[in-house]
Every structure is written in C-alpha cells, then in structure tokens.
Amino acid sequence: MRELTRSNDLVWLSWLTSLLADAGIEAHLLDAHMSVLEGSIAAIPRRVMVADEDYDEAARLMAAGKEPVP
C-alpha cells in the first residue's frame, strides 16, 4: 500500500474515493476514526491509500481531476 494523498476535506476525499472506485481502484481511507476522536481542530488528516500497482494510475486520475475545466 502507498499513500496517495492526505486531507481533512471530507468532500474532496469522498470525490476522490468515488473517482478511484469508478476506475476500478480500491482506496482505503486511514485515520478516519482518529480524526473524529481529536475533534474539529483538524490535527490528523485522513490518508488515502492504494495498492502499489494502482498508485501511478490513481495519481494520474487525481491530478487530472484537479485541472480546471476549459
């Protein structure tokens, strides 16, 4: 498993995991429970992990999703 990204933005994380799932890439969200325990101070970002063999494609999809639409 490799870390694809980390964030406290729940909407963006939801979008990213959905994007990856649509591409057939299984993503695991780590630290979700720790983030809830620490409250709303956003001290512990959630990590998105993907399989080593899916990392390059997942990174490409994530980068393409960040590009502005012309």
PDB file of N, CA and C in Angstrom:
ATOM      1  N   MET A   1       0.849  -1.188   0.000  1.00  0.00           N
ATOM      2  CA  MET A   1       0.000   0.000   0.000  1.00  0.00           C
ATOM      3  C   MET A   1       0.889   1.244   0.000  1.00  0.00           C
ATOM      4  N   ARG A   2       0.433   2.229  -0.767  1.00  0.00           N
ATOM      5  CA  ARG A   2       1.128   3.526  -0.813  1.00  0.00           C
ATOM      6  C   ARG A   2       0.137   4.642  -0.528  1.00  0.00           C
ATOM      7  N   GLU A   3       0.635   5.667   0.116  1.00  0.00           N
ATOM      8  CA  GLU A   3      -0.196   6.831   0.405  1.00  0.00           C
ATOM      9  C   GLU A   3      -0.322   7.673  -0.854  1.00  0.00           C
ATOM     10  N   LEU A   4      -1.555   7.883  -1.272  1.00  0.00           N
ATOM     11  CA  LEU A   4      -1.819   8.707  -2.446  1.00  0.00           C
ATOM     12  C   LEU A   4      -1.882  10.178  -2.056  1.00  0.00           C
ATOM     13  N   THR A   5      -2.590  10.462  -0.978  1.00  0.00           N
ATOM     14  CA  THR A   5      -2.722  11.835  -0.505  1.00  0.00           C
ATOM     15  C   THR A   5      -3.247  11.815   0.915  1.00  0.00           C
ATOM     16  N   ARG A   6      -3.288  12.977   1.528  1.00  0.00           N
ATOM     17  CA  ARG A   6      -3.920  13.134   2.841  1.00  0.00           C
ATOM     18  C   ARG A   6      -4.617  14.488   2.878  1.00  0.00           C
ATOM     19  N   SER A   7      -5.736  14.527   3.592  1.00  0.00           N
ATOM     20  CA  SER A   7      -6.525  15.756   3.622  1.00  0.00           C
ATOM     21  C   SER A   7      -7.535  15.708   4.769  1.00  0.00           C
ATOM     22  N   ASN A   8      -8.020  16.864   5.147  1.00  0.00           N
ATOM     23  CA  ASN A   8      -9.121  16.986   6.103  1.00  0.00           C
ATOM     24  C   ASN A   8     -10.417  17.389   5.404  1.00  0.00           C
ATOM     25  N   ASP A   9     -10.373  17.568   4.102  1.00  0.00           N
ATOM     26  CA  ASP A   9     -11.539  17.980   3.323  1.00  0.00           C
ATOM     27  C   ASP A   9     -12.386  16.751   2.991  1.00  0.00           C
ATOM     28  N   LEU A  10     -13.448  16.553   3.746  1.00  0.00           N
ATOM     29  CA  LEU A  10     -14.269  15.353   3.598  1.00  0.00           C
ATOM     30  C   LEU A  10     -14.958  15.270   2.240  1.00  0.00           C
ATOM     31  N   VAL A  11     -15.338  16.384   1.688  1.00  0.00           N
ATOM     32  CA  VAL A  11     -15.998  16.394   0.383  1.00  0.00           C
ATOM     33  C   VAL A  11     -15.006  15.964  -0.697  1.00  0.00           C
ATOM     34  N   TRP A  12     -13.803  16.517  -0.661  1.00  0.00           N
ATOM     35  CA  TRP A  12     -12.790  16.161  -1.648  1.00  0.00           C
ATOM     36  C   TRP A  12     -12.393  14.700  -1.502  1.00  0.00           C
ATOM     37  N   LEU A  13     -12.258  14.203  -0.281  1.00  0.00           N
ATOM     38  CA  LEU A  13     -11.922  12.796  -0.071  1.00  0.00           C
ATOM     39  C   LEU A  13     -13.013  11.879  -0.603  1.00  0.00           C
ATOM     40  N   SER A  14     -14.255  12.266  -0.410  1.00  0.00           N
ATOM     41  CA  SER A  14     -15.374  11.487  -0.931  1.00  0.00           C
ATOM     42  C   SER A  14     -15.340  11.467  -2.454  1.00  0.00           C
ATOM     43  N   TRP A  15     -15.100  12.623  -3.073  1.00  0.00           N
ATOM     44  CA  TRP A  15     -14.998  12.705  -4.529  1.00  0.00           C
ATOM     45  C   TRP A  15     -13.862  11.824  -5.034  1.00  0.00           C
ATOM     46  N   LEU A  16     -12.705  11.902  -4.378  1.00  0.00           N
ATOM     47  CA  LEU A  16     -11.533  11.144  -4.815  1.00  0.00           C
ATOM     48  C   LEU A  16     -11.768   9.639  -4.712  1.00  0.00           C
ATOM     49  N   THR A  17     -12.314   9.178  -3.604  1.00  0.00           N
ATOM     50  CA  THR A  17     -12.554   7.744  -3.457  1.00  0.00           C
ATOM     51  C   THR A  17     -13.596   7.263  -4.469  1.00  0.00           C
ATOM     52  N   SER A  18     -14.572   8.106  -4.789  1.00  0.00           N
ATOM     53  CA  SER A  18     -15.559   7.757  -5.807  1.00  0.00           C
ATOM     54  C   SER A  18     -14.916   7.697  -7.189  1.00  0.00           C
ATOM     55  N   LEU A  19     -14.076   8.658  -7.506  1.00  0.00           N
ATOM     56  CA  LEU A  19     -13.358   8.676  -8.775  1.00  0.00           C
ATOM     57  C   LEU A  19     -12.512   7.416  -8.937  1.00  0.00           C
ATOM     58  N   LEU A  20     -11.797   7.061  -7.897  1.00  0.00           N
ATOM     59  CA  LEU A  20     -10.950   5.875  -7.938  1.00  0.00           C
ATOM     60  C   LEU A  20     -11.791   4.608  -8.078  1.00  0.00           C
ATOM     61  N   ALA A  21     -12.901   4.541  -7.356  1.00  0.00           N
ATOM     62  CA  ALA A  21     -13.778   3.369  -7.440  1.00  0.00           C
ATOM     63  C   ALA A  21     -14.337   3.214  -8.853  1.00  0.00           C
ATOM     64  N   ASP A  22     -14.704   4.320  -9.487  1.00  0.00           N
ATOM     65  CA  ASP A  22     -15.208   4.273 -10.866  1.00  0.00           C
ATOM     66  C   ASP A  22     -14.159   3.731 -11.829  1.00  0.00           C
ATOM     67  N   ALA A  23     -12.874   3.939 -11.494  1.00  0.00           N
ATOM     68  CA  ALA A  23     -11.782   3.449 -12.336  1.00  0.00           C
ATOM     69  C   ALA A  23     -11.357   2.037 -11.937  1.00  0.00           C
ATOM     70  N   GLY A  24     -12.037   1.462 -10.948  1.00  0.00           N
ATOM     71  CA  GLY A  24     -11.711   0.107 -10.517  1.00  0.00           C
ATOM     72  C   GLY A  24     -10.536   0.034  -9.561  1.00  0.00           C
ATOM     73  N   ILE A  25     -10.196   1.156  -8.937  1.00  0.00           N
ATOM     74  CA  ILE A  25      -9.084   1.206  -7.995  1.00  0.00           C
ATOM     75  C   ILE A  25      -9.652   1.255  -6.583  1.00  0.00           C
ATOM     76  N   GLU A  26      -9.261   0.281  -5.780  1.00  0.00           N
ATOM     77  CA  GLU A  26      -9.743   0.233  -4.399  1.00  0.00           C
ATOM     78  C   GLU A  26      -8.890   1.162  -3.538  1.00  0.00           C
ATOM     79  N   ALA A  27      -9.538   2.093  -2.872  1.00  0.00           N
ATOM     80  CA  ALA A  27      -8.849   3.040  -1.992  1.00  0.00           C
ATOM     81  C   ALA A  27      -9.269   2.765  -0.554  1.00  0.00           C
ATOM     82  N   HIS A  28      -8.317   2.919   0.345  1.00  0.00           N
ATOM     83  CA  HIS A  28      -8.583   2.743   1.769  1.00  0.00           C
ATOM     84  C   HIS A  28      -8.350   4.073   2.460  1.00  0.00           C
ATOM     85  N   LEU A  29      -9.303   4.482   3.269  1.00  0.00           N
ATOM     86  CA  LEU A  29      -9.209   5.736   3.999  1.00  0.00           C
ATOM     87  C   LEU A  29      -8.738   5.427   5.419  1.00  0.00           C
ATOM     88  N   LEU A  30      -7.533   5.859   5.751  1.00  0.00           N
ATOM     89  CA  LEU A  30      -6.971   5.615   7.066  1.00  0.00           C
ATOM     90  C   LEU A  30      -7.075   6.860   7.938  1.00  0.00           C
ATOM     91  N   ASP A  31      -7.092   6.649   9.221  1.00  0.00           N
ATOM     92  CA  ASP A  31      -7.122   7.704  10.241  1.00  0.00           C
ATOM     93  C   ASP A  31      -8.469   8.398  10.367  1.00  0.00           C
ATOM     94  N   ALA A  32      -9.510   7.858   9.776  1.00  0.00           N
ATOM     95  CA  ALA A  32     -10.829   8.481   9.875  1.00  0.00           C
ATOM     96  C   ALA A  32     -11.308   8.506  11.324  1.00  0.00           C
ATOM     97  N   HIS A  33     -11.099   7.422  12.040  1.00  0.00           N
ATOM     98  CA  HIS A  33     -11.552   7.379  13.428  1.00  0.00           C
ATOM     99  C   HIS A  33     -10.699   8.273  14.322  1.00  0.00           C
ATOM    100  N   MET A  34      -9.421   8.367  14.042  1.00  0.00           N
ATOM    101  CA  MET A  34      -8.552   9.249  14.832  1.00  0.00           C
ATOM    102  C   MET A  34      -8.947  10.704  14.614  1.00  0.00           C
ATOM    103  N   SER A  35      -9.311  11.040  13.395  1.00  0.00           N
ATOM    104  CA  SER A  35      -9.713  12.409  13.097  1.00  0.00           C
ATOM    105  C   SER A  35     -10.973  12.787  13.864  1.00  0.00           C
ATOM    106  N   VAL A  36     -11.869  11.827  14.051  1.00  0.00           N
ATOM    107  CA  VAL A  36     -13.093  12.084  14.804  1.00  0.00           C
ATOM    108  C   VAL A  36     -12.774  12.249  16.284  1.00  0.00           C
ATOM    109  N   LEU A  37     -11.872  11.438  16.788  1.00  0.00           N
ATOM    110  CA  LEU A  37     -11.522  11.491  18.212  1.00  0.00           C
ATOM    111  C   LEU A  37     -10.872  12.808  18.613  1.00  0.00           C
ATOM    112  N   GLU A  38     -10.059  13.373  17.732  1.00  0.00           N
ATOM    113  CA  GLU A  38      -9.354  14.603  18.095  1.00  0.00           C
ATOM    114  C   GLU A  38     -10.243  15.836  17.998  1.00  0.00           C
ATOM    115  N   GLY A  39     -11.458  15.688  17.562  1.00  0.00           N
ATOM    116  CA  GLY A  39     -12.375  16.825  17.497  1.00  0.00           C
ATOM    117  C   GLY A  39     -12.312  17.523  16.166  1.00  0.00           C
ATOM    118  N   SER A  40     -12.611  18.787  16.153  1.00  0.00           N
ATOM    119  CA  SER A  40     -12.690  19.532  14.895  1.00  0.00           C
ATOM    120  C   SER A  40     -11.485  20.428  14.660  1.00  0.00           C
ATOM    121  N   ILE A  41     -10.353  20.134  15.297  1.00  0.00           N
ATOM    122  CA  ILE A  41      -9.184  21.001  15.126  1.00  0.00           C
ATOM    123  C   ILE A  41      -8.352  20.622  13.902  1.00  0.00           C
ATOM    124  N   ALA A  42      -8.711  19.527  13.248  1.00  0.00           N
ATOM    125  CA  ALA A  42      -8.062  19.087  12.008  1.00  0.00           C
ATOM    126  C   ALA A  42      -6.571  18.821  12.189  1.00  0.00           C
ATOM    127  N   ALA A  43      -6.212  18.242  13.318  1.00  0.00           N
ATOM    128  CA  ALA A  43      -4.805  17.951  13.581  1.00  0.00           C
ATOM    129  C   ALA A  43      -4.337  16.682  12.883  1.00  0.00           C
ATOM    130  N   ILE A  44      -5.250  15.764  12.612  1.00  0.00           N
ATOM    131  CA  ILE A  44      -4.876  14.487  11.999  1.00  0.00           C
ATOM    132  C   ILE A  44      -5.620  14.337  10.674  1.00  0.00           C
ATOM    133  N   PRO A  45      -4.936  14.569   9.563  1.00  0.00           N
ATOM    134  CA  PRO A  45      -5.600  14.400   8.267  1.00  0.00           C
ATOM    135  C   PRO A  45      -5.835  12.926   7.958  1.00  0.00           C
ATOM    136  N   ARG A  46      -6.840  12.662   7.178  1.00  0.00           N
ATOM    137  CA  ARG A  46      -7.138  11.303   6.726  1.00  0.00           C
ATOM    138  C   ARG A  46      -6.231  10.989   5.540  1.00  0.00           C
ATOM    139  N   ARG A  47      -5.758   9.742   5.490  1.00  0.00           N
ATOM    140  CA  ARG A  47      -4.866   9.318   4.412  1.00  0.00           C
ATOM    141  C   ARG A  47      -5.608   8.405   3.447  1.00  0.00           C
ATOM    142  N   VAL A  48      -5.378   8.620   2.159  1.00  0.00           N
ATOM    143  CA  VAL A  48      -5.936   7.754   1.123  1.00  0.00           C
ATOM    144  C   VAL A  48      -4.808   6.836   0.658  1.00  0.00           C
ATOM    145  N   MET A  49      -5.030   5.538   0.824  1.00  0.00           N
ATOM    146  CA  MET A  49      -4.026   4.540   0.459  1.00  0.00           C
ATOM    147  C   MET A  49      -4.548   3.707  -0.705  1.00  0.00           C
ATOM    148  N   VAL A  50      -3.650   3.363  -1.616  1.00  0.00           N
ATOM    149  CA  VAL A  50      -3.989   2.492  -2.747  1.00  0.00           C
ATOM    150  C   VAL A  50      -2.908   1.424  -2.859  1.00  0.00           C
ATOM    151  N   ALA A  51      -3.225   0.345  -3.563  1.00  0.00           N
ATOM    152  CA  ALA A  51      -2.254  -0.719  -3.789  1.00  0.00           C
ATOM    153  C   ALA A  51      -1.079  -0.176  -4.602  1.00  0.00           C
ATOM    154  N   ASP A  52       0.091  -0.736  -4.369  1.00  0.00           N
ATOM    155  CA  ASP A  52       1.299  -0.291  -5.075  1.00  0.00           C
ATOM    156  C   ASP A  52       1.105  -0.306  -6.592  1.00  0.00           C
ATOM    157  N   GLU A  53       0.474  -1.355  -7.086  1.00  0.00           N
ATOM    158  CA  GLU A  53       0.315  -1.476  -8.541  1.00  0.00           C
ATOM    159  C   GLU A  53      -0.710  -0.494  -9.106  1.00  0.00           C
ATOM    160  N   ASP A  54      -1.555   0.083  -8.276  1.00  0.00           N
ATOM    161  CA  ASP A  54      -2.553   1.056  -8.720  1.00  0.00           C
ATOM    162  C   ASP A  54      -2.112   2.502  -8.521  1.00  0.00           C
ATOM    163  N   TYR A  55      -0.971   2.705  -7.880  1.00  0.00           N
ATOM    164  CA  TYR A  55      -0.569   4.047  -7.481  1.00  0.00           C
ATOM    165  C   TYR A  55      -0.423   5.011  -8.668  1.00  0.00           C
ATOM    166  N   ASP A  56       0.284   4.615  -9.704  1.00  0.00           N
ATOM    167  CA  ASP A  56       0.525   5.529 -10.836  1.00  0.00           C
ATOM    168  C   ASP A  56      -0.775   5.969 -11.496  1.00  0.00           C
ATOM    169  N   GLU A  57      -1.684   5.027 -11.724  1.00  0.00           N
ATOM    170  CA  GLU A  57      -2.973   5.364 -12.338  1.00  0.00           C
ATOM    171  C   GLU A  57      -3.804   6.244 -11.403  1.00  0.00           C
ATOM    172  N   ALA A  58      -3.785   5.946 -10.110  1.00  0.00           N
ATOM    173  CA  ALA A  58      -4.538   6.741  -9.140  1.00  0.00           C
ATOM    174  C   ALA A  58      -3.996   8.168  -9.070  1.00  0.00           C
ATOM    175  N   ALA A  59      -2.680   8.310  -9.086  1.00  0.00           N
ATOM    176  CA  ALA A  59      -2.071   9.644  -9.058  1.00  0.00           C
ATOM    177  C   ALA A  59      -2.422  10.423 -10.323  1.00  0.00           C
ATOM    178  N   ARG A  60      -2.449   9.734 -11.476  1.00  0.00           N
ATOM    179  CA  ARG A  60      -2.817  10.395 -12.733  1.00  0.00           C
ATOM    180  C   ARG A  60      -4.258  10.876 -12.692  1.00  0.00           C
ATOM    181  N   LEU A  61      -5.162  10.027 -12.207  1.00  0.00           N
ATOM    182  CA  LEU A  61      -6.570  10.405 -12.108  1.00  0.00           C
ATOM    183  C   LEU A  61      -6.766  11.581 -11.151  1.00  0.00           C
ATOM    184  N   MET A  62      -6.076  11.543 -10.025  1.00  0.00           N
ATOM    185  CA  MET A  62      -6.203  12.615  -9.050  1.00  0.00           C
ATOM    186  C   MET A  62      -5.702  13.932  -9.636  1.00  0.00           C
ATOM    187  N   ALA A  63      -4.578  13.903 -10.337  1.00  0.00           N
ATOM    188  CA  ALA A  63      -4.024  15.105 -10.949  1.00  0.00           C
ATOM    189  C   ALA A  63      -4.957  15.634 -12.036  1.00  0.00           C
ATOM    190  N   ALA A  64      -5.511  14.741 -12.840  1.00  0.00           N
ATOM    191  CA  ALA A  64      -6.414  15.175 -13.910  1.00  0.00           C
ATOM    192  C   ALA A  64      -7.680  15.801 -13.324  1.00  0.00           C
ATOM    193  N   GLY A  65      -8.121  15.317 -12.186  1.00  0.00           N
ATOM    194  CA  GLY A  65      -9.318  15.856 -11.545  1.00  0.00           C
ATOM    195  C   GLY A  65      -9.115  17.237 -10.955  1.00  0.00           C
ATOM    196  N   LYS A  66      -7.871  17.593 -10.688  1.00  0.00           N
ATOM    197  CA  LYS A  66      -7.566  18.910 -10.116  1.00  0.00           C
ATOM    198  C   LYS A  66      -7.441  19.992 -11.186  1.00  0.00           C
ATOM    199  N   GLU A  67      -7.299  19.577 -12.460  1.00  0.00           N
ATOM    200  CA  GLU A  67      -7.143  20.539 -13.541  1.00  0.00           C
ATOM    201  C   GLU A  67      -8.455  21.272 -13.792  1.00  0.00           C
ATOM    202  N   PRO A  68      -8.385  22.573 -14.061  1.00  0.00           N
ATOM    203  CA  PRO A  68      -9.614  23.324 -14.355  1.00  0.00           C
ATOM    204  C   PRO A  68     -10.225  22.871 -15.675  1.00  0.00           C
ATOM    205  N   VAL A  69     -11.519  22.903 -15.733  1.00  0.00           N
ATOM    206  CA  VAL A  69     -12.243  22.532 -16.951  1.00  0.00           C
ATOM    207  C   VAL A  69     -12.231  23.741 -17.888  1.00  0.00           C
ATOM    208  N   PRO A  70     -11.821  23.549 -19.157  1.00  0.00           N
ATOM    209  CA  PRO A  70     -11.763  24.698 -20.091  1.00  0.00           C
ATOM    210  C   PRO A  70     -13.135  25.198 -20.472  1.00  0.00           C
TER     211      PRO A  70
END
